[in-house]
Amino acid sequence: MQAVVSVHELPSWKSRMINQLLFGELFTVKAEKDDWLLIETADDHFEGWIYRIEATQTDESFYTDAVNSAKHFFYSLSGRIKGEKVMIPVTKGAQFPFWKDGTFKINNHTFYYYKSVHPVPGKVTYGSIIDVAKSYLGTSFLCGGRSPFGIDGPGLIQIAFKMNGIGLPRSAAKQMEHGEQILFVEAAKQGDLAFFEDNEGNINHVGIILGDGKILHSWGKVRIDSIDHQGVFNKEAGRYTHHLRVVKRIISG
């Protein structure tokens, strides 16, 4: 059991990292090749390859119950949980299945963490989503990253919504398929998602609108920049860095 596991495009360390698994996240194995496993994540059905020894096997009943259980997340930047004769590091976004009164279980192993955790709120608001996203401010950009030690644009958005009980796909292009289109960026509200395209029209970036012409996104690091009908304007660079394609509203209200 590890804090972060890299997920690769191909079964090789030379292959690029396309995702990360955080402690407590579940997956199924679709195929095997040498020391590598092709996995599909339970929450968003994203596929990629992980190194075999980084996987922890569970039985079918635990997997099914854990997928359907209430979600509790580790919210601090990083920390350690205590197990039976072991201490395991975890990062923000880690999941604690069957958490209750400072304990949780994975397979037959009991773990202890007596500080507060982040449960999925009963009523989701854009404010609570933005609070999670803002807690990553200053985090370095990392392609495929999903941790507070390196995160990419769609990873940031996915984690912020996931910790508030809303599942979104892993890629910006797939995230754009969700929600209601907002015709003009001037009509966007706090918490709407802005999607951006490259010169060929491919969706290559996403950020969350804060209001007052500001957007929070991961570019170089998780940062706040200005946004208008053209796209993201970076004051430090003195230019537009991303071309706006569309704005989507994921939740109403």
Foldseek 3Di string as FASTA:
>chain_A
DAQKFFFFADPDPPGDTAAIDGAPWDWDFDDDDDQKTWIATPQARDTGITGNVVDDDADPVLRVCQSPAFWWWAQAQKDWKDWDVDIYIHGTLHTFGPDDQQWGDDHHIIIGDNDDIQTQDPDDDLVQLVVSLCVLFFAFDDNRDQHSNHHAFLSSNQSSVVSNPDHFHRDPVRNVVAAAWDPAPVPDDFQKKWWFADPVRHTDHIWTDHDPQWTFGHDRGTDIFGAHQQGTADVVVRGHDTGTDTIGDHDDD
